[in-house]
Amino acid sequence: MLISEFGFFDGFLLNFIMLSLLLELMLRHMGWFEVADLIIKGTEGTIQAKTVTYDFERLMEGAKLLKCSEFGDAIIKHM
Protein backbone atom coordinates (compact mmCIF):
# COMPACT_ATOMS: atom_id res chain seq x y z
CA MET A 1 0.00 0.00 0.00
CA LEU A 2 1.20 3.47 -0.81
CA ILE A 3 0.93 6.72 1.07
CA SER A 4 -0.91 9.35 -0.96
CA GLU A 5 0.45 12.85 -1.51
CA PHE A 6 -1.75 14.26 1.26
CA GLY A 7 -0.70 11.67 3.82
CA PHE A 8 -3.54 9.17 3.68
CA PHE A 9 -2.59 5.55 4.22
CA ASP A 10 -5.34 2.99 3.83
CA GLY A 11 -7.93 5.46 5.11
CA PHE A 12 -5.82 6.88 7.92
CA LEU A 13 -4.15 10.27 8.00
CA LEU A 14 -0.46 10.32 8.86
CA ASN A 15 1.07 13.13 10.88
CA PHE A 16 4.17 14.18 8.93
CA ILE A 17 5.21 16.92 11.32
CA MET A 18 5.34 14.29 14.06
CA LEU A 19 7.43 12.05 11.81
CA SER A 20 9.94 14.83 11.14
CA LEU A 21 10.27 15.44 14.88
CA LEU A 22 10.74 11.71 15.53
CA LEU A 23 13.55 11.81 12.97
CA GLU A 24 15.07 14.71 14.91
CA LEU A 25 15.01 12.65 18.13
CA MET A 26 16.64 9.68 16.41
CA LEU A 27 19.38 11.89 14.96
CA ARG A 28 20.13 13.32 18.43
CA HIS A 29 20.29 9.80 19.84
CA MET A 30 22.86 8.96 17.13
CA GLY A 31 24.87 12.06 18.04
CA TRP A 32 24.06 13.97 14.85
CA PHE A 33 23.20 17.19 16.69
CA GLU A 34 23.81 19.62 13.80
CA VAL A 35 21.49 17.70 11.50
CA ALA A 36 18.85 17.42 14.25
CA ASP A 37 19.05 21.19 14.77
CA LEU A 38 18.46 21.69 11.04
CA ILE A 39 15.33 19.50 11.18
CA ILE A 40 13.98 21.67 14.02
CA LYS A 41 14.90 24.90 12.22
CA GLY A 42 13.24 23.73 9.00
CA THR A 43 10.11 22.49 10.74
CA GLU A 44 9.73 25.69 12.77
CA GLY A 45 10.22 27.85 9.67
CA THR A 46 7.65 25.87 7.74
CA ILE A 47 5.07 26.17 10.52
CA GLN A 48 5.76 29.91 10.95
CA ALA A 49 5.25 30.37 7.20
CA LYS A 50 1.90 28.56 7.58
CA THR A 51 2.84 26.09 4.85
CA VAL A 52 1.94 22.79 6.48
CA THR A 53 0.39 19.36 6.01
CA TYR A 54 -3.19 18.48 6.86
CA ASP A 55 -2.54 17.78 10.55
CA PHE A 56 -1.66 21.46 11.15
CA GLU A 57 -3.54 23.11 8.26
CA ARG A 58 -6.93 22.18 9.68
CA LEU A 59 -6.00 23.90 12.97
CA MET A 60 -4.36 27.06 11.56
CA GLU A 61 -6.23 30.02 10.15
CA GLY A 62 -4.88 31.11 6.77
CA ALA A 63 -2.51 28.15 6.39
CA LYS A 64 -1.60 26.67 3.02
CA LEU A 65 -2.07 22.91 2.63
CA LEU A 66 1.00 21.16 1.24
CA LYS A 67 1.41 17.71 -0.22
CA CYS A 68 3.85 15.47 1.65
CA SER A 69 6.53 15.99 -0.99
CA GLU A 70 6.00 19.76 -0.89
CA PHE A 71 6.24 19.72 2.90
CA GLY A 72 9.63 18.02 2.73
CA ASP A 73 10.80 20.62 0.22
CA ALA A 74 9.52 23.41 2.51
CA ILE A 75 11.45 22.00 5.49
CA ILE A 76 14.63 21.93 3.40
CA LYS A 77 13.98 25.50 2.20
CA HIS A 78 13.70 26.73 5.81
CA MET A 79 16.89 25.01 6.98
C-alpha atoms as a PDB file:
ATOM      1  CA  MET A   1       0.000   0.000   0.000  1.00  0.00           C
ATOM      2  CA  LEU A   2       1.204   3.473  -0.814  1.00  0.00           C
ATOM      3  CA  ILE A   3       0.926   6.724   1.068  1.00  0.00           C
ATOM      4  CA  SER A   4      -0.914   9.352  -0.959  1.00  0.00           C
ATOM      5  CA  GLU A   5       0.454  12.848  -1.512  1.00  0.00           C
ATOM      6  CA  PHE A   6      -1.755  14.261   1.255  1.00  0.00           C
ATOM      7  CA  GLY A   7      -0.704  11.670   3.821  1.00  0.00           C
ATOM      8  CA  PHE A   8      -3.540   9.169   3.677  1.00  0.00           C
ATOM      9  CA  PHE A   9      -2.587   5.548   4.224  1.00  0.00           C
ATOM     10  CA  ASP A  10      -5.338   2.991   3.832  1.00  0.00           C
ATOM     11  CA  GLY A  11      -7.931   5.460   5.105  1.00  0.00           C
ATOM     12  CA  PHE A  12      -5.823   6.885   7.924  1.00  0.00           C
ATOM     13  CA  LEU A  13      -4.147  10.265   7.997  1.00  0.00           C
ATOM     14  CA  LEU A  14      -0.459  10.321   8.859  1.00  0.00           C
ATOM     15  CA  ASN A  15       1.072  13.133  10.884  1.00  0.00           C
ATOM     16  CA  PHE A  16       4.167  14.185   8.925  1.00  0.00           C
ATOM     17  CA  ILE A  17       5.207  16.923  11.317  1.00  0.00           C
ATOM     18  CA  MET A  18       5.336  14.292  14.056  1.00  0.00           C
ATOM     19  CA  LEU A  19       7.426  12.047  11.812  1.00  0.00           C
ATOM     20  CA  SER A  20       9.941  14.828  11.143  1.00  0.00           C
ATOM     21  CA  LEU A  21      10.265  15.437  14.885  1.00  0.00           C
ATOM     22  CA  LEU A  22      10.742  11.709  15.526  1.00  0.00           C
ATOM     23  CA  LEU A  23      13.550  11.810  12.965  1.00  0.00           C
ATOM     24  CA  GLU A  24      15.070  14.709  14.910  1.00  0.00           C
ATOM     25  CA  LEU A  25      15.013  12.653  18.126  1.00  0.00           C
ATOM     26  CA  MET A  26      16.636   9.680  16.407  1.00  0.00           C
ATOM     27  CA  LEU A  27      19.382  11.885  14.965  1.00  0.00           C
ATOM     28  CA  ARG A  28      20.128  13.322  18.431  1.00  0.00           C
ATOM     29  CA  HIS A  29      20.293   9.795  19.838  1.00  0.00           C
ATOM     30  CA  MET A  30      22.855   8.963  17.135  1.00  0.00           C
ATOM     31  CA  GLY A  31      24.873  12.056  18.037  1.00  0.00           C
ATOM     32  CA  TRP A  32      24.061  13.969  14.852  1.00  0.00           C
ATOM     33  CA  PHE A  33      23.202  17.187  16.686  1.00  0.00           C
ATOM     34  CA  GLU A  34      23.810  19.617  13.802  1.00  0.00           C
ATOM     35  CA  VAL A  35      21.485  17.700  11.500  1.00  0.00           C
ATOM     36  CA  ALA A  36      18.852  17.417  14.253  1.00  0.00           C
ATOM     37  CA  ASP A  37      19.046  21.185  14.767  1.00  0.00           C
ATOM     38  CA  LEU A  38      18.459  21.689  11.038  1.00  0.00           C
ATOM     39  CA  ILE A  39      15.332  19.501  11.180  1.00  0.00           C
ATOM     40  CA  ILE A  40      13.978  21.669  14.020  1.00  0.00           C
ATOM     41  CA  LYS A  41      14.899  24.896  12.218  1.00  0.00           C
ATOM     42  CA  GLY A  42      13.244  23.729   8.998  1.00  0.00           C
ATOM     43  CA  THR A  43      10.110  22.493  10.742  1.00  0.00           C
ATOM     44  CA  GLU A  44       9.725  25.695  12.766  1.00  0.00           C
ATOM     45  CA  GLY A  45      10.215  27.849   9.674  1.00  0.00           C
ATOM     46  CA  THR A  46       7.651  25.868   7.738  1.00  0.00           C
ATOM     47  CA  ILE A  47       5.071  26.174  10.522  1.00  0.00           C
ATOM     48  CA  GLN A  48       5.762  29.910  10.946  1.00  0.00           C
ATOM     49  CA  ALA A  49       5.254  30.372   7.197  1.00  0.00           C
ATOM     50  CA  LYS A  50       1.899  28.564   7.576  1.00  0.00           C
ATOM     51  CA  THR A  51       2.836  26.088   4.851  1.00  0.00           C
ATOM     52  CA  VAL A  52       1.940  22.789   6.478  1.00  0.00           C
ATOM     53  CA  THR A  53       0.392  19.364   6.010  1.00  0.00           C
ATOM     54  CA  TYR A  54      -3.192  18.479   6.855  1.00  0.00           C
ATOM     55  CA  ASP A  55      -2.536  17.779  10.549  1.00  0.00           C
ATOM     56  CA  PHE A  56      -1.664  21.458  11.149  1.00  0.00           C
ATOM     57  CA  GLU A  57      -3.537  23.106   8.260  1.00  0.00           C
ATOM     58  CA  ARG A  58      -6.930  22.183   9.679  1.00  0.00           C
ATOM     59  CA  LEU A  59      -5.997  23.902  12.966  1.00  0.00           C
ATOM     60  CA  MET A  60      -4.359  27.063  11.561  1.00  0.00           C
ATOM     61  CA  GLU A  61      -6.230  30.018  10.147  1.00  0.00           C
ATOM     62  CA  GLY A  62      -4.875  31.108   6.775  1.00  0.00           C
ATOM     63  CA  ALA A  63      -2.513  28.150   6.392  1.00  0.00           C
ATOM     64  CA  LYS A  64      -1.595  26.673   3.018  1.00  0.00           C
ATOM     65  CA  LEU A  65      -2.067  22.914   2.633  1.00  0.00           C
ATOM     66  CA  LEU A  66       1.001  21.162   1.241  1.00  0.00           C
ATOM     67  CA  LYS A  67       1.414  17.706  -0.221  1.00  0.00           C
ATOM     68  CA  CYS A  68       3.849  15.472   1.654  1.00  0.00           C
ATOM     69  CA  SER A  69       6.529  15.986  -0.994  1.00  0.00           C
ATOM     70  CA  GLU A  70       5.997  19.761  -0.890  1.00  0.00           C
ATOM     71  CA  PHE A  71       6.235  19.722   2.900  1.00  0.00           C
ATOM     72  CA  GLY A  72       9.625  18.016   2.734  1.00  0.00           C
ATOM     73  CA  ASP A  73      10.798  20.621   0.225  1.00  0.00           C
ATOM     74  CA  ALA A  74       9.518  23.409   2.515  1.00  0.00           C
ATOM     75  CA  ILE A  75      11.448  22.004   5.491  1.00  0.00           C
ATOM     76  CA  ILE A  76      14.627  21.933   3.399  1.00  0.00           C
ATOM     77  CA  LYS A  77      13.982  25.501   2.200  1.00  0.00           C
ATOM     78  CA  HIS A  78      13.703  26.732   5.805  1.00  0.00           C
ATOM     79  CA  MET A  79      16.887  25.007   6.984  1.00  0.00           C
END
